[in-house]
Structure formats: C-alpha cells, structure tokens
Amino acid sequence: MSTATERYKIIQNIIAQKGIDCDLFVELARTEAMINSIEQGKMIPPPLPPELNANQGTLETPQETLPTNEIPPIQNG
C-alpha cells in the first residue's frame, strides 16, 4: 500500500461510504492497517457483499445449446 493512486482510490471509497463529515485521516489509517494485516497474512479479508458474489457467476459467456432433436450441420473446411 504505497502508491498515491492506491491511496487516492481508498480515500474515494471512504468518502463514498462515510461522506465528508468523517475524520478521513482516522478512516484512512484504519483501512491501511487492515490492508497491511491482510497482506501479512494476519487477517482474512472481509467477505464480498452479496451483490458481488451473485454477479460472479454471470461473468461466464452462456453456452449455445441445441434442441435434443436437432443435429448440427457438418462444416467442411
């Protein structure tokens, strides 16, 4: 957790969740401490929200299926 881009994204996320009325420095310190603990293997990452877990199964492209009585055409080439 060292780049300015990563820190900026974290601050954006904190503001989106808590608003601008919270103490950003305290929230940033908590978040960075949690990330460092996760990276060192001292802590298990928090579970994903249900809407993210549900969307993971829909990322695969659907397989095209043929009706059971239809034979696919033979392609030469």
PDB file of N, CA and C in Angstrom:
ATOM      1  N   MET A   1       0.847  -1.166   0.000  1.00  0.00           N
ATOM      2  CA  MET A   1       0.000   0.000   0.000  1.00  0.00           C
ATOM      3  C   MET A   1       0.890   1.226   0.000  1.00  0.00           C
ATOM      4  N   SER A   2       1.484   1.504  -1.103  1.00  0.00           N
ATOM      5  CA  SER A   2       2.424   2.614  -1.076  1.00  0.00           C
ATOM      6  C   SER A   2       2.195   3.652  -2.164  1.00  0.00           C
ATOM      7  N   THR A   3       1.442   3.323  -3.171  1.00  0.00           N
ATOM      8  CA  THR A   3       1.333   4.295  -4.254  1.00  0.00           C
ATOM      9  C   THR A   3       0.244   5.329  -3.968  1.00  0.00           C
ATOM     10  N   ALA A   4       0.444   6.485  -4.530  1.00  0.00           N
ATOM     11  CA  ALA A   4      -0.527   7.566  -4.348  1.00  0.00           C
ATOM     12  C   ALA A   4      -1.859   7.224  -5.009  1.00  0.00           C
ATOM     13  N   THR A   5      -1.810   6.505  -6.121  1.00  0.00           N
ATOM     14  CA  THR A   5      -3.042   6.114  -6.808  1.00  0.00           C
ATOM     15  C   THR A   5      -3.885   5.199  -5.932  1.00  0.00           C
ATOM     16  N   GLU A   6      -3.245   4.226  -5.289  1.00  0.00           N
ATOM     17  CA  GLU A   6      -3.977   3.322  -4.399  1.00  0.00           C
ATOM     18  C   GLU A   6      -4.577   4.084  -3.220  1.00  0.00           C
ATOM     19  N   ARG A   7      -3.811   4.978  -2.643  1.00  0.00           N
ATOM     20  CA  ARG A   7      -4.301   5.773  -1.515  1.00  0.00           C
ATOM     21  C   ARG A   7      -5.469   6.664  -1.943  1.00  0.00           C
ATOM     22  N   TYR A   8      -5.392   7.247  -3.123  1.00  0.00           N
ATOM     23  CA  TYR A   8      -6.471   8.090  -3.640  1.00  0.00           C
ATOM     24  C   TYR A   8      -7.754   7.278  -3.822  1.00  0.00           C
ATOM     25  N   LYS A   9      -7.637   6.062  -4.352  1.00  0.00           N
ATOM     26  CA  LYS A   9      -8.807   5.206  -4.529  1.00  0.00           C
ATOM     27  C   LYS A   9      -9.422   4.837  -3.185  1.00  0.00           C
ATOM     28  N   ILE A  10      -8.584   4.594  -2.189  1.00  0.00           N
ATOM     29  CA  ILE A  10      -9.086   4.270  -0.852  1.00  0.00           C
ATOM     30  C   ILE A  10      -9.841   5.462  -0.281  1.00  0.00           C
ATOM     31  N   ILE A  11      -9.286   6.648  -0.421  1.00  0.00           N
ATOM     32  CA  ILE A  11      -9.950   7.853   0.099  1.00  0.00           C
ATOM     33  C   ILE A  11     -11.279   8.076  -0.616  1.00  0.00           C
ATOM     34  N   GLN A  12     -11.320   7.856  -1.927  1.00  0.00           N
ATOM     35  CA  GLN A  12     -12.585   7.981  -2.656  1.00  0.00           C
ATOM     36  C   GLN A  12     -13.620   6.996  -2.110  1.00  0.00           C
ATOM     37  N   ASN A  13     -13.188   5.786  -1.825  1.00  0.00           N
ATOM     38  CA  ASN A  13     -14.093   4.768  -1.303  1.00  0.00           C
ATOM     39  C   ASN A  13     -14.597   5.154   0.085  1.00  0.00           C
ATOM     40  N   ILE A  14     -13.714   5.668   0.922  1.00  0.00           N
ATOM     41  CA  ILE A  14     -14.114   6.097   2.272  1.00  0.00           C
ATOM     42  C   ILE A  14     -15.152   7.217   2.176  1.00  0.00           C
ATOM     43  N   ILE A  15     -14.910   8.189   1.314  1.00  0.00           N
ATOM     44  CA  ILE A  15     -15.852   9.306   1.156  1.00  0.00           C
ATOM     45  C   ILE A  15     -17.190   8.801   0.627  1.00  0.00           C
ATOM     46  N   ALA A  16     -17.146   7.841  -0.300  1.00  0.00           N
ATOM     47  CA  ALA A  16     -18.394   7.290  -0.847  1.00  0.00           C
ATOM     48  C   ALA A  16     -19.197   6.568   0.232  1.00  0.00           C
ATOM     49  N   GLN A  17     -18.502   5.897   1.156  1.00  0.00           N
ATOM     50  CA  GLN A  17     -19.198   5.136   2.191  1.00  0.00           C
ATOM     51  C   GLN A  17     -19.601   5.992   3.384  1.00  0.00           C
ATOM     52  N   LYS A  18     -18.737   6.904   3.822  1.00  0.00           N
ATOM     53  CA  LYS A  18     -18.961   7.621   5.073  1.00  0.00           C
ATOM     54  C   LYS A  18     -19.277   9.095   4.888  1.00  0.00           C
ATOM     55  N   GLY A  19     -19.050   9.628   3.697  1.00  0.00           N
ATOM     56  CA  GLY A  19     -19.286  11.050   3.462  1.00  0.00           C
ATOM     57  C   GLY A  19     -18.065  11.871   3.858  1.00  0.00           C
ATOM     58  N   ILE A  20     -18.186  13.186   3.713  1.00  0.00           N
ATOM     59  CA  ILE A  20     -17.044  14.056   4.003  1.00  0.00           C
ATOM     60  C   ILE A  20     -17.034  14.534   5.451  1.00  0.00           C
ATOM     61  N   ASP A  21     -18.058  14.172   6.217  1.00  0.00           N
ATOM     62  CA  ASP A  21     -18.128  14.606   7.610  1.00  0.00           C
ATOM     63  C   ASP A  21     -17.292  13.740   8.553  1.00  0.00           C
ATOM     64  N   CYS A  22     -16.784  12.614   8.073  1.00  0.00           N
ATOM     65  CA  CYS A  22     -15.990  11.745   8.949  1.00  0.00           C
ATOM     66  C   CYS A  22     -14.540  12.250   9.000  1.00  0.00           C
ATOM     67  N   ASP A  23     -13.776  11.712   9.928  1.00  0.00           N
ATOM     68  CA  ASP A  23     -12.354  12.038  10.032  1.00  0.00           C
ATOM     69  C   ASP A  23     -11.605  11.170   9.021  1.00  0.00           C
ATOM     70  N   LEU A  24     -11.262  11.754   7.876  1.00  0.00           N
ATOM     71  CA  LEU A  24     -10.650  10.984   6.795  1.00  0.00           C
ATOM     72  C   LEU A  24      -9.313  10.381   7.191  1.00  0.00           C
ATOM     73  N   PHE A  25      -8.535  11.102   7.998  1.00  0.00           N
ATOM     74  CA  PHE A  25      -7.224  10.578   8.396  1.00  0.00           C
ATOM     75  C   PHE A  25      -7.369   9.324   9.248  1.00  0.00           C
ATOM     76  N   VAL A  26      -8.331   9.318  10.166  1.00  0.00           N
ATOM     77  CA  VAL A  26      -8.556   8.143  11.015  1.00  0.00           C
ATOM     78  C   VAL A  26      -9.040   6.973  10.164  1.00  0.00           C
ATOM     79  N   GLU A  27      -9.988   7.223   9.280  1.00  0.00           N
ATOM     80  CA  GLU A  27     -10.514   6.155   8.428  1.00  0.00           C
ATOM     81  C   GLU A  27      -9.435   5.620   7.493  1.00  0.00           C
ATOM     82  N   LEU A  28      -8.596   6.494   6.944  1.00  0.00           N
ATOM     83  CA  LEU A  28      -7.508   6.061   6.078  1.00  0.00           C
ATOM     84  C   LEU A  28      -6.515   5.211   6.857  1.00  0.00           C
ATOM     85  N   ALA A  29      -6.186   5.611   8.065  1.00  0.00           N
ATOM     86  CA  ALA A  29      -5.255   4.841   8.889  1.00  0.00           C
ATOM     87  C   ALA A  29      -5.828   3.461   9.207  1.00  0.00           C
ATOM     88  N   ARG A  30      -7.114   3.393   9.548  1.00  0.00           N
ATOM     89  CA  ARG A  30      -7.749   2.095   9.825  1.00  0.00           C
ATOM     90  C   ARG A  30      -7.714   1.193   8.598  1.00  0.00           C
ATOM     91  N   THR A  31      -8.049   1.767   7.466  1.00  0.00           N
ATOM     92  CA  THR A  31      -8.087   0.983   6.234  1.00  0.00           C
ATOM     93  C   THR A  31      -6.703   0.479   5.855  1.00  0.00           C
ATOM     94  N   GLU A  32      -5.695   1.345   5.948  1.00  0.00           N
ATOM     95  CA  GLU A  32      -4.343   0.917   5.608  1.00  0.00           C
ATOM     96  C   GLU A  32      -3.826  -0.135   6.588  1.00  0.00           C
ATOM     97  N   ALA A  33      -4.171  -0.022   7.856  1.00  0.00           N
ATOM     98  CA  ALA A  33      -3.778  -1.034   8.834  1.00  0.00           C
ATOM     99  C   ALA A  33      -4.425  -2.382   8.501  1.00  0.00           C
ATOM    100  N   MET A  34      -5.701  -2.352   8.098  1.00  0.00           N
ATOM    101  CA  MET A  34      -6.384  -3.582   7.727  1.00  0.00           C
ATOM    102  C   MET A  34      -5.747  -4.199   6.478  1.00  0.00           C
ATOM    103  N   ILE A  35      -5.426  -3.375   5.493  1.00  0.00           N
ATOM    104  CA  ILE A  35      -4.794  -3.874   4.268  1.00  0.00           C
ATOM    105  C   ILE A  35      -3.428  -4.474   4.578  1.00  0.00           C
ATOM    106  N   ASN A  36      -2.645  -3.815   5.416  1.00  0.00           N
ATOM    107  CA  ASN A  36      -1.334  -4.355   5.792  1.00  0.00           C
ATOM    108  C   ASN A  36      -1.470  -5.682   6.521  1.00  0.00           C
ATOM    109  N   SER A  37      -2.463  -5.810   7.391  1.00  0.00           N
ATOM    110  CA  SER A  37      -2.682  -7.073   8.098  1.00  0.00           C
ATOM    111  C   SER A  37      -3.063  -8.185   7.130  1.00  0.00           C
ATOM    112  N   ILE A  38      -3.891  -7.856   6.155  1.00  0.00           N
ATOM    113  CA  ILE A  38      -4.292  -8.847   5.151  1.00  0.00           C
ATOM    114  C   ILE A  38      -3.077  -9.279   4.339  1.00  0.00           C
ATOM    115  N   GLU A  39      -2.252  -8.318   3.925  1.00  0.00           N
ATOM    116  CA  GLU A  39      -1.069  -8.643   3.118  1.00  0.00           C
ATOM    117  C   GLU A  39      -0.062  -9.483   3.890  1.00  0.00           C
ATOM    118  N   GLN A  40       0.037  -9.292   5.195  1.00  0.00           N
ATOM    119  CA  GLN A  40       0.965 -10.054   6.013  1.00  0.00           C
ATOM    120  C   GLN A  40       0.393 -11.401   6.433  1.00  0.00           C
ATOM    121  N   GLY A  41      -0.861 -11.656   6.083  1.00  0.00           N
ATOM    122  CA  GLY A  41      -1.473 -12.926   6.414  1.00  0.00           C
ATOM    123  C   GLY A  41      -1.996 -13.006   7.830  1.00  0.00           C
ATOM    124  N   LYS A  42      -2.085 -11.892   8.529  1.00  0.00           N
ATOM    125  CA  LYS A  42      -2.564 -11.884   9.909  1.00  0.00           C
ATOM    126  C   LYS A  42      -4.082 -11.777   9.980  1.00  0.00           C
ATOM    127  N   MET A  43      -4.701 -11.464   8.856  1.00  0.00           N
ATOM    128  CA  MET A  43      -6.136 -11.239   8.860  1.00  0.00           C
ATOM    129  C   MET A  43      -6.734 -11.775   7.569  1.00  0.00           C
ATOM    130  N   ILE A  44      -7.924 -12.333   7.670  1.00  0.00           N
ATOM    131  CA  ILE A  44      -8.639 -12.815   6.498  1.00  0.00           C
ATOM    132  C   ILE A  44      -9.435 -11.643   5.938  1.00  0.00           C
ATOM    133  N   PRO A  45      -9.418 -11.447   4.608  1.00  0.00           N
ATOM    134  CA  PRO A  45     -10.176 -10.331   4.037  1.00  0.00           C
ATOM    135  C   PRO A  45     -11.665 -10.458   4.352  1.00  0.00           C
ATOM    136  N   PRO A  46     -12.362  -9.332   4.492  1.00  0.00           N
ATOM    137  CA  PRO A  46     -13.799  -9.391   4.752  1.00  0.00           C
ATOM    138  C   PRO A  46     -14.525  -9.998   3.556  1.00  0.00           C
ATOM    139  N   PRO A  47     -15.673 -10.638   3.792  1.00  0.00           N
ATOM    140  CA  PRO A  47     -16.401 -11.252   2.671  1.00  0.00           C
ATOM    141  C   PRO A  47     -16.954 -10.191   1.727  1.00  0.00           C
ATOM    142  N   LEU A  48     -17.150 -10.605   0.473  1.00  0.00           N
ATOM    143  CA  LEU A  48     -17.719  -9.699  -0.522  1.00  0.00           C
ATOM    144  C   LEU A  48     -19.194  -9.498  -0.243  1.00  0.00           C
ATOM    145  N   PRO A  49     -19.721  -8.333  -0.570  1.00  0.00           N
ATOM    146  CA  PRO A  49     -21.165  -8.118  -0.429  1.00  0.00           C
ATOM    147  C   PRO A  49     -21.937  -9.104  -1.311  1.00  0.00           C
ATOM    148  N   PRO A  50     -23.163  -9.455  -0.924  1.00  0.00           N
ATOM    149  CA  PRO A  50     -23.930 -10.455  -1.694  1.00  0.00           C
ATOM    150  C   PRO A  50     -24.112 -10.109  -3.158  1.00  0.00           C
ATOM    151  N   GLU A  51     -24.269  -8.815  -3.483  1.00  0.00           N
ATOM    152  CA  GLU A  51     -24.472  -8.460  -4.892  1.00  0.00           C
ATOM    153  C   GLU A  51     -23.236  -8.746  -5.736  1.00  0.00           C
ATOM    154  N   LEU A  52     -22.023  -8.667  -5.163  1.00  0.00           N
ATOM    155  CA  LEU A  52     -20.810  -9.009  -5.906  1.00  0.00           C
ATOM    156  C   LEU A  52     -20.680 -10.513  -6.044  1.00  0.00           C
ATOM    157  N   ASN A  53     -21.031 -11.273  -5.015  1.00  0.00           N
ATOM    158  CA  ASN A  53     -20.983 -12.724  -5.103  1.00  0.00           C
ATOM    159  C   ASN A  53     -21.961 -13.244  -6.144  1.00  0.00           C
ATOM    160  N   ALA A  54     -23.137 -12.651  -6.231  1.00  0.00           N
ATOM    161  CA  ALA A  54     -24.144 -13.094  -7.190  1.00  0.00           C
ATOM    162  C   ALA A  54     -23.712 -12.796  -8.618  1.00  0.00           C
ATOM    163  N   ASN A  55     -23.000 -11.699  -8.837  1.00  0.00           N
ATOM    164  CA  ASN A  55     -22.584 -11.324 -10.190  1.00  0.00           C
ATOM    165  C   ASN A  55     -21.424 -12.162 -10.701  1.00  0.00           C
ATOM    166  N   GLN A  56     -20.674 -12.807  -9.830  1.00  0.00           N
ATOM    167  CA  GLN A  56     -19.517 -13.566 -10.281  1.00  0.00           C
ATOM    168  C   GLN A  56     -19.917 -14.717 -11.189  1.00  0.00           C
ATOM    169  N   GLY A  57     -21.055 -15.336 -10.954  1.00  0.00           N
ATOM    170  CA  GLY A  57     -21.491 -16.439 -11.787  1.00  0.00           C
ATOM    171  C   GLY A  57     -21.979 -16.003 -13.147  1.00  0.00           C
ATOM    172  N   THR A  58     -22.328 -14.751 -13.324  1.00  0.00           N
ATOM    173  CA  THR A  58     -22.868 -14.285 -14.598  1.00  0.00           C
ATOM    174  C   THR A  58     -21.789 -13.760 -15.539  1.00  0.00           C
ATOM    175  N   LEU A  59     -20.532 -13.781 -15.131  1.00  0.00           N
ATOM    176  CA  LEU A  59     -19.479 -13.268 -16.000  1.00  0.00           C
ATOM    177  C   LEU A  59     -19.136 -14.251 -17.118  1.00  0.00           C
ATOM    178  N   GLU A  60     -19.471 -15.523 -16.951  1.00  0.00           N
ATOM    179  CA  GLU A  60     -19.171 -16.501 -17.977  1.00  0.00           C
ATOM    180  C   GLU A  60     -20.120 -16.317 -19.154  1.00  0.00           C
ATOM    181  N   THR A  61     -19.618 -16.598 -20.359  1.00  0.00           N
ATOM    182  CA  THR A  61     -20.478 -16.484 -21.527  1.00  0.00           C
ATOM    183  C   THR A  61     -21.376 -17.706 -21.587  1.00  0.00           C
ATOM    184  N   PRO A  62     -22.649 -17.514 -21.875  1.00  0.00           N
ATOM    185  CA  PRO A  62     -23.557 -18.659 -21.911  1.00  0.00           C
ATOM    186  C   PRO A  62     -23.224 -19.584 -23.074  1.00  0.00           C
ATOM    187  N   GLN A  63     -23.355 -20.870 -22.843  1.00  0.00           N
ATOM    188  CA  GLN A  63     -23.106 -21.864 -23.879  1.00  0.00           C
ATOM    189  C   GLN A  63     -24.335 -21.958 -24.781  1.00  0.00           C
ATOM    190  N   GLU A  64     -24.095 -22.045 -26.068  1.00  0.00           N
ATOM    191  CA  GLU A  64     -25.196 -22.194 -27.004  1.00  0.00           C
ATOM    192  C   GLU A  64     -25.627 -23.656 -26.993  1.00  0.00           C
ATOM    193  N   THR A  65     -26.900 -23.888 -26.785  1.00  0.00           N
ATOM    194  CA  THR A  65     -27.401 -25.258 -26.738  1.00  0.00           C
ATOM    195  C   THR A  65     -28.358 -25.488 -27.886  1.00  0.00           C
ATOM    196  N   LEU A  66     -28.344 -26.703 -28.391  1.00  0.00           N
ATOM    197  CA  LEU A  66     -29.238 -27.089 -29.471  1.00  0.00           C
ATOM    198  C   LEU A  66     -30.359 -27.932 -28.881  1.00  0.00           C
ATOM    199  N   PRO A  67     -31.527 -27.872 -29.474  1.00  0.00           N
ATOM    200  CA  PRO A  67     -32.574 -28.789 -29.026  1.00  0.00           C
ATOM    201  C   PRO A  67     -32.113 -30.230 -29.230  1.00  0.00           C
ATOM    202  N   THR A  68     -32.591 -31.129 -28.412  1.00  0.00           N
ATOM    203  CA  THR A  68     -32.110 -32.515 -28.448  1.00  0.00           C
ATOM    204  C   THR A  68     -32.419 -33.215 -29.760  1.00  0.00           C
ATOM    205  N   ASN A  69     -33.448 -32.798 -30.491  1.00  0.00           N
ATOM    206  CA  ASN A  69     -33.794 -33.478 -31.736  1.00  0.00           C
ATOM    207  C   ASN A  69     -33.128 -32.843 -32.960  1.00  0.00           C
ATOM    208  N   GLU A  70     -32.330 -31.802 -32.790  1.00  0.00           N
ATOM    209  CA  GLU A  70     -31.699 -31.110 -33.920  1.00  0.00           C
ATOM    210  C   GLU A  70     -30.236 -31.522 -34.016  1.00  0.00           C
ATOM    211  N   ILE A  71     -29.804 -31.856 -35.238  1.00  0.00           N
ATOM    212  CA  ILE A  71     -28.418 -32.255 -35.477  1.00  0.00           C
ATOM    213  C   ILE A  71     -27.688 -31.058 -36.072  1.00  0.00           C
ATOM    214  N   PRO A  72     -26.519 -30.706 -35.533  1.00  0.00           N
ATOM    215  CA  PRO A  72     -25.795 -29.555 -36.078  1.00  0.00           C
ATOM    216  C   PRO A  72     -25.307 -29.841 -37.494  1.00  0.00           C
ATOM    217  N   PRO A  73     -25.228 -28.821 -38.351  1.00  0.00           N
ATOM    218  CA  PRO A  73     -24.754 -29.041 -39.725  1.00  0.00           C
ATOM    219  C   PRO A  73     -23.278 -29.383 -39.744  1.00  0.00           C
ATOM    220  N   ILE A  74     -22.884 -30.167 -40.720  1.00  0.00           N
ATOM    221  CA  ILE A  74     -21.485 -30.546 -40.889  1.00  0.00           C
ATOM    222  C   ILE A  74     -20.809 -29.434 -41.683  1.00  0.00           C
ATOM    223  N   GLN A  75     -19.668 -29.007 -41.181  1.00  0.00           N
ATOM    224  CA  GLN A  75     -18.940 -27.950 -41.873  1.00  0.00           C
ATOM    225  C   GLN A  75     -17.698 -28.539 -42.498  1.00  0.00           C
ATOM    226  N   ASN A  76     -17.516 -28.300 -43.762  1.00  0.00           N
ATOM    227  CA  ASN A  76     -16.317 -28.748 -44.470  1.00  0.00           C
ATOM    228  C   ASN A  76     -15.304 -27.637 -44.483  1.00  0.00           C
ATOM    229  N   GLY A  77     -14.082 -27.982 -44.199  1.00  0.00           N
ATOM    230  CA  GLY A  77     -13.133 -26.921 -44.321  1.00  0.00           C
ATOM    231  C   GLY A  77     -12.102 -27.010 -43.341  1.00  0.00           C
TER     232      GLY A  77
END
